[in-house]
Amino acid sequence: MRLLVFLLICQCAIHSVKTHSASYPNVILLMADDLGIGDLGCYGNRTLRTPNIDKLAEEGVTLTQHIAASPLCTPSRAAFLTGRYPIRSGMAAFSRVGVFLFSASSGGLPSEEITFSKLLKQRGYATALIGKWHLGMNCESSNDFCHHPLSHGFDYFYGLTVTNFRDCKPGQGSVFLKGVQKTLVIPIQIAGITLVSLAIVQYVGLLKIIQQPLSYENLTQRLTKEAVQFIGRNTDAPFLLVLSYLHVHTALYASENFRGKSKHGLYGDAVEEMDWSVGQILDVLEKYNLTDKTLVYFTSDQGAHVEEISSSGEVHGGYNGIYKGGKSMNWEGGIRVPGLLRWPGVVQAGAYIDEPTSNMDIFPTIVKLAKAQLPSDRIIDGHDLMPLLQGKVTRSKHEFLFHYCNAYLNAVRWHPGNSESVWKVFFFTPNFSPEDSNGCYDSHVCFCHGGFITQHDPPLLFDLSRDPEEKVPLTPETESRFYEVLRVIHLAVDNHTRSLHAAPDQLSWDNLLWKPWLQMCCSSLFQSCYCDYDSEGSLLEMHSG
């Protein structure tokens, strides 16, 4: 009798797993770093080879007006994970520095924020983040992990808690010496560069660092291998995989198989290596018959960094196509990013959607697919993409999108329901240097306030449906609806502003500064935190539980 009961229980459990797997799609979110929309074949590039990423477009939907919630890494990624403008979570800076620079800073994505990974994990998904995090690590001690991926719904993490910097790769020059030399004295600059090199660390388990500083040797292969193995471990249950590439943020790197092979120097080599990695992910889905059960999304956290020039003069930034500006700016080149979604048999194949969409839309889209409840105690700024992707509707739910430069409202886009126009106003614009260039080359990135910007009253107005390159601002003489458009947008700004509530500033100087007691170190801080126990082994690898 006991044996019979045991067998019945086993049978019910097996049936439950099969039903679970059939009901909930796997989700793979692929995020490049600083990739230009014009770098991919599916968005018009004819010289870089990206056949695997292009395959996603051929077999899925291409979003041609897909907008990053911020033109900088940290706030864009916070918005992506939470479906909320970063200003709501305190992840938008009032100071000049808009991203985390050190692993031993105390700021980060607040524990009160609800990520899609938390909600999918509650629904039984295996969850993993592989690659770049850049949303903080510790709060008060070097092992509290309050901002770490494991505290935000990922039960597996293998990667870097901060980001890739030129300063960390010998011979690649310094972002810091160019970007902050106007305000910091040389000793502080040198200390900052030293501490960044300590922040790129690698772990196994919760405390052991096995490689410090970061080795670029076969880095993409290691990240890809981890992603492939994670998929292989979860073929019988739903999973969420976020593969967050270091490519193509500088310092650029490419493995021997790709170095020198593209038509665009090291940058092109890096793009083509990333495309190879995407192909490996698609191949393993095919191997395990998971292709039709998996939603795959590819994007970039923001546009290409146009000011990136190597110390030898080689262009190390990407191509934003026809769009003006790039990373750190809310001109279209900084925020209009690739948006590719494939789910065979569910979303349209080979379709193009030119409606405004946002990287914040991924949150409600996959939360609903997992049959989880959207949080009711906070505003979610993203909208479910599935009706658009399946052709059930033709208009985006985003009538307005608000474009922040750090914590400052920089621009607003309005897509009226009864019009094809996409109006965009700028309250201020960055001062390019040199003046006739397409970026802020003197400071390496554009800044958001003070003498670095020009205020506009009345605001600059463009209609992106007629002028996607943002070349010629409209005037009352050239646009009869000029003042009416401004009136509607000002009302929308007032409504949006009233929806905001004060949140602790995670990017304050106090939270940004390096704190020695938060620095994880595999040897001794006074021995430069150097170790390499496994040069062919793991990056930051951590498991929950």
Foldseek 3Di string as FASTA:
>chain_A
DVVVVVVVVVVVVLVVLQVQLVQFFAEEEEAAAQAAQQLDVCSPPDFFDQVLVVVLLQQFEWEQQAWQLALDQQQSVLLLFQLDRSQQQLQFDPDFDNFFQFLQFQFFRALPGAGLLQQLVVLVAQEEEFEEARGYAHHDFQQPRRRPVVSHNHQKYFYADRAEFLLLDPQFDHLQCQFCVVPDDDVVSVVSSLRSQLRQFFADARFATAFGPDDPECVLVQRLVVVLVVCVVDLSHHYYYYYYYNPPDPPADAYPVQAPPGPQHSNSSRSVSVSVSSVSVCVSCVVSVSQQRYKYKYKYSWHWLQLRAGPVGRGSTYDNPLWFADRLFPGCRSIRMIIGIHRHPQFDRNHYAHENFYSSQVSVQSSVSSVGDDDPPADRNHHHCRCVRRVVDRYDPPQKRFYDNRNHGAKMWGDDPVDNWIKMWGQKGFQDVVNPDRANNSNSHQGDDDPGIDGDVVTFMDTCVVPVRPDDTDDCVRDVCVVVVVVVVVVVVVVVVVRHDDHPNSPDPSSNDRDVSNRRANPDVVVSSGHNNDVPDGGHIYGDD
